[in-house]
Protein backbone atom coordinates (compact mmCIF):
# COMPACT_ATOMS: atom_id res chain seq x y z
CA MET A 1 16.64 -13.94 -30.78
CA LYS A 2 19.25 -16.45 -32.05
CA ASN A 3 22.46 -16.86 -30.18
CA PHE A 4 25.87 -17.13 -31.86
CA CYS A 5 29.29 -18.18 -30.63
CA SER A 6 31.53 -15.19 -30.00
CA ASN A 7 34.51 -17.37 -30.93
CA CYS A 8 33.59 -18.80 -34.22
CA GLY A 9 30.08 -17.20 -35.08
CA SER A 10 28.27 -20.63 -35.34
CA GLU A 11 24.57 -20.51 -34.45
CA LEU A 12 23.89 -21.98 -30.98
CA SER A 13 20.93 -23.89 -29.63
CA LYS A 14 19.49 -22.45 -26.41
CA GLU A 15 20.15 -25.62 -24.35
CA SER A 16 23.89 -26.02 -25.52
CA ASN A 17 26.70 -25.48 -23.08
CA LEU A 18 29.48 -25.78 -25.64
CA CYS A 19 29.70 -24.52 -29.21
CA PRO A 20 29.17 -27.49 -31.53
CA ASN A 21 31.81 -25.98 -33.99
CA CYS A 22 34.77 -24.74 -31.75
CA GLY A 23 33.90 -26.28 -28.37
CA LYS A 24 33.93 -22.95 -26.47
CA ASN A 25 32.07 -22.85 -23.10
CA ILE A 26 28.88 -20.90 -23.73
CA ASN A 27 27.84 -20.71 -20.07
CA GLU A 28 30.55 -17.93 -19.59
CA GLU A 29 28.98 -15.80 -22.36
CA LYS A 30 25.26 -16.29 -21.79
CA ASN A 31 25.05 -13.37 -19.14
CA ASN A 32 27.35 -11.04 -21.00
CA SER A 33 27.01 -12.02 -24.69
CA THR A 34 27.14 -9.60 -27.63
CA VAL A 35 26.15 -10.65 -31.13
CA ILE A 36 28.18 -9.24 -33.99
CA ILE A 37 26.80 -9.64 -37.53
CA ASN A 38 28.58 -7.98 -40.46
CA ASN A 39 30.64 -5.78 -38.00
CA TYR A 40 27.41 -4.38 -36.46
CA ASN A 41 26.62 -5.00 -32.73
CA ILE A 42 23.00 -6.18 -32.74
CA ASN A 43 22.54 -5.95 -28.96
CA ASN A 44 23.85 -2.27 -28.89
CA ILE A 45 23.17 -1.13 -32.51
CA ASN A 46 25.73 1.31 -33.64
CA LEU A 47 25.57 2.11 -37.38
CA PRO A 48 27.99 4.42 -38.81
CA LYS A 49 26.64 8.03 -39.05
CA ARG A 50 26.67 9.35 -42.56
CA ASN A 51 26.70 13.10 -43.39
CA ILE A 52 23.79 13.50 -45.72
CA ALA A 53 25.17 16.56 -47.48
CA VAL A 54 28.44 14.59 -48.19
CA CYS A 55 26.53 11.63 -49.54
CA ILE A 56 24.54 13.96 -51.85
CA LEU A 57 27.78 15.67 -53.04
CA LEU A 58 29.44 12.28 -53.64
CA SER A 59 26.42 11.08 -55.67
CA LEU A 60 26.57 14.17 -57.81
CA ILE A 61 30.36 14.05 -58.30
CA THR A 62 30.45 10.40 -59.24
CA CYS A 63 27.38 10.68 -61.53
CA GLY A 64 25.25 8.44 -59.41
CA ILE A 65 27.76 5.67 -58.59
CA TYR A 66 27.87 6.62 -55.02
CA ALA A 67 24.05 6.75 -54.85
CA ILE A 68 24.07 3.12 -55.81
CA TYR A 69 26.33 2.31 -53.04
CA TRP A 70 24.39 4.34 -50.72
CA PHE A 71 21.18 2.51 -51.72
CA ILE A 72 22.84 -0.87 -51.12
CA VAL A 73 24.23 0.12 -47.66
CA MET A 74 20.99 1.71 -46.49
CA THR A 75 19.14 -1.50 -47.45
CA ASP A 76 21.58 -3.75 -45.58
CA GLU A 77 21.69 -1.48 -42.50
CA SER A 78 17.94 -1.39 -42.33
CA ASN A 79 17.82 -5.20 -42.57
CA ILE A 80 20.18 -5.39 -39.61
CA ILE A 81 18.29 -2.99 -37.33
CA SER A 82 14.95 -4.47 -38.17
CA GLU A 83 16.27 -8.03 -37.92
CA GLU A 84 14.26 -8.88 -41.11
CA LYS A 85 15.52 -11.23 -43.73
CA THR A 86 14.48 -9.29 -46.83
CA ALA A 87 16.38 -8.74 -49.92
CA SER A 88 19.97 -7.58 -49.42
CA GLY A 89 21.13 -4.23 -50.80
CA LEU A 90 22.64 -5.62 -53.93
CA THR A 91 19.57 -7.89 -54.60
CA ALA A 92 17.32 -4.85 -54.15
CA PHE A 93 19.38 -2.95 -56.49
CA ILE A 94 19.31 -5.72 -59.16
CA PHE A 95 15.55 -6.05 -58.68
CA THR A 96 15.10 -2.32 -59.28
CA ILE A 97 16.93 -2.56 -62.56
CA ILE A 98 15.19 -5.72 -63.67
CA THR A 99 11.69 -4.27 -62.94
CA CYS A 100 12.60 -0.90 -64.47
CA GLY A 101 12.13 0.94 -61.15
CA ILE A 102 8.93 -0.73 -59.97
CA TYR A 103 10.69 -2.57 -57.19
CA PHE A 104 12.03 0.82 -56.11
CA LEU A 105 8.45 1.80 -55.19
CA TYR A 106 8.21 -1.40 -52.99
CA TRP A 107 11.64 -0.76 -51.46
CA ASN A 108 10.64 2.68 -50.36
CA PHE A 109 7.51 1.33 -48.84
CA LYS A 110 9.45 -1.38 -47.00
CA MET A 111 12.08 1.03 -45.76
CA GLY A 112 9.45 3.23 -44.33
CA GLU A 113 7.93 0.24 -42.50
CA LYS A 114 11.21 -1.28 -41.29
CA LEU A 115 12.55 1.90 -39.93
CA TYR A 116 9.29 2.65 -38.17
CA TYR A 117 9.06 -0.80 -36.41
CA ALA A 118 12.86 -0.77 -35.70
CA GLY A 119 12.33 2.70 -34.10
CA LYS A 120 9.59 1.32 -31.94
CA LYS A 121 11.75 -1.52 -30.97
CA TYR A 122 14.76 0.44 -29.92
CA ASN A 123 12.90 3.55 -28.69
CA LYS A 124 13.92 5.99 -31.47
CA SER A 125 11.53 8.69 -32.62
CA ILE A 126 10.79 7.52 -36.29
CA GLY A 127 7.42 7.94 -37.94
CA ASN A 128 5.96 5.48 -40.41
CA ASN A 129 6.99 7.11 -43.62
CA ALA A 130 6.04 4.27 -45.92
CA VAL A 131 3.31 6.12 -47.92
CA PRO A 132 5.25 9.51 -48.16
CA TYR A 133 8.18 7.61 -49.46
CA ILE A 134 6.04 5.94 -52.28
CA LEU A 135 4.48 9.32 -53.15
CA LEU A 136 7.81 11.01 -53.43
CA SER A 137 9.00 8.24 -55.58
CA ILE A 138 6.09 8.53 -57.92
CA LEU A 139 6.70 12.17 -58.20
CA GLY A 140 10.30 11.51 -59.25
CA LEU A 141 11.78 12.70 -55.89
CA GLY A 142 13.17 9.35 -54.73
CA PHE A 143 16.57 10.88 -53.86
CA ILE A 144 14.91 12.86 -51.18
CA ASN A 145 13.85 9.48 -49.66
CA TYR A 146 17.57 8.59 -49.51
CA CYS A 147 18.06 11.65 -47.29
CA LEU A 148 15.11 10.98 -45.02
CA ILE A 149 16.03 7.29 -44.77
CA GLN A 150 19.71 8.16 -43.98
CA ASN A 151 18.39 10.69 -41.36
CA ASP A 152 16.37 7.85 -39.68
CA LEU A 153 19.35 5.45 -39.88
CA ASN A 154 21.56 8.07 -38.28
CA LYS A 155 19.50 7.87 -35.16
CA PHE A 156 20.78 4.41 -34.59
CA SER A 157 24.38 5.71 -34.60
CA LYS A 158 26.12 6.89 -31.54
């Protein structure tokens, strides 16, 4: 796992005693460090808990605009908890539009895998739903996947 300076956020090498960017003494932090990326605490993952019914209602009221936001946020949060460097939420959304929805099938598969492996890593009870997510998407029920994915992401909130 990479280390970052708590003062300026610069990446630190494992042997360094001082931050190369701001000069902060790193030895004080090594035993008690917390890494913050995009306002999420990686050492103690605490994602915001979203009410699924409210998300569905907002998606309906806004004629799908909130669903786009929800898609982007879920993608970014799954990348954070899985610590994978895959497409960001916005990039995944653009790929879905460009490929006329084909990327959405891949996205569902990856979300199932990422959440499963993150669940194993952080001791959360999450099954590998990659194949069911694809099947639901093929059947035109991709919105159900949003609810299932959000339910799994909520397990990482406190």
